[in-house]
Amino acid sequence: MPDMHIAILTFEGYNELDSLIAFGILNRIKQPGWRVSIACPAARVRSMNGVVIESQRAELQLDPARQLLGAQCSGALILAKLGLLDGVPACTDLTTKPWVEEAGVTVLNQPFYAKGRVATAGGCFASQYLAAWLIATLVDADAARSALHYVAPVGEKDDYVARAMRNIEPYLMQKSAAA
């Protein structure tokens, strides 16, 4: 596998669940060249609940022609405003939904949706779907299942993994298309 850098864009007022759950799941992948970092527009950002984290990487330029892009909740609004959801429906949280619709994007009543190299998820606990989609697309579905199994609640592991995979499998791309 070539070097793979995954940046979780995290902004002032972020929801800890959105950034840090995905960060934890994505870091379950232990392959040469696999790196996951928090990228922020400032050196430090404060969450909606006062948790301060330091940026591990400067913000990136978004390019769906060469990158996989995943957005959760208000991230769907950012993709919409950047024109990256042109004609593509999205998932988002209920708070952000009116703004995403106002930006001309149809909001779906489901936790995850992807088209090509762009995926969106809605709801604080939907970050697992974005993380699993990235892992399944970049490595394989077994790696995604393994990462999810690790974080799943004891006694619910099989059901948890099966539900997550049901939500992302219809949107998995062929590996050659993702490269």
Foldseek 3Di string as FASTA:
>chain_A
DAADEAEAEAEAQADCLQRVVLVQLLVVDDDPNYYYFYEYCDQWHAHVVGDIDGGPHHDDDDDLQQAQEEEEACRLLVCLVVVNCPVNAAEHEPVCVVSNVVSVHHYDPDAKDDDQRYIYGYDSNSSLLVSLLVCCQAPRNVSSLVSQLVPDDPPCSVVRSVVSCVRCVVPHDDNVSND
